[in-house]
């Protein structure tokens, strides 16, 4: 295993069992659908699909001229990697994980998973 793969794997393993927040976006049938899923990270596959437990969802969608938000409890959930736009973990749940200090994701963790 190349050294960069070992580093990436260690970063992902460090996040196992921690609460993460995922932002997903889909533009199906001309309608924009945005969701924020929060849950405890359990597993990641090679397609960047995340498996969570104790998950909840906030769905944000357009209704007429307004925006509606709807929350629901999911329990166990699979978050599809192809719709991910952002993955975050709060600093209080990170210990020594490397936080991104600058840019639009201030306070989030760099979860770029190249090679996974």
Foldseek 3Di string as FASTA:
>chain_A
DDPVLVVLVVLVVLQAQAKKKWWFWDCPPNFIKIKIKIFGFHDADPQRKTKGAQMKMWIWGDDVPDIDIDIDTDGIDIHGPVGTDDMFGAPVRRVPADADCDDPRHRGGPNPRPPD
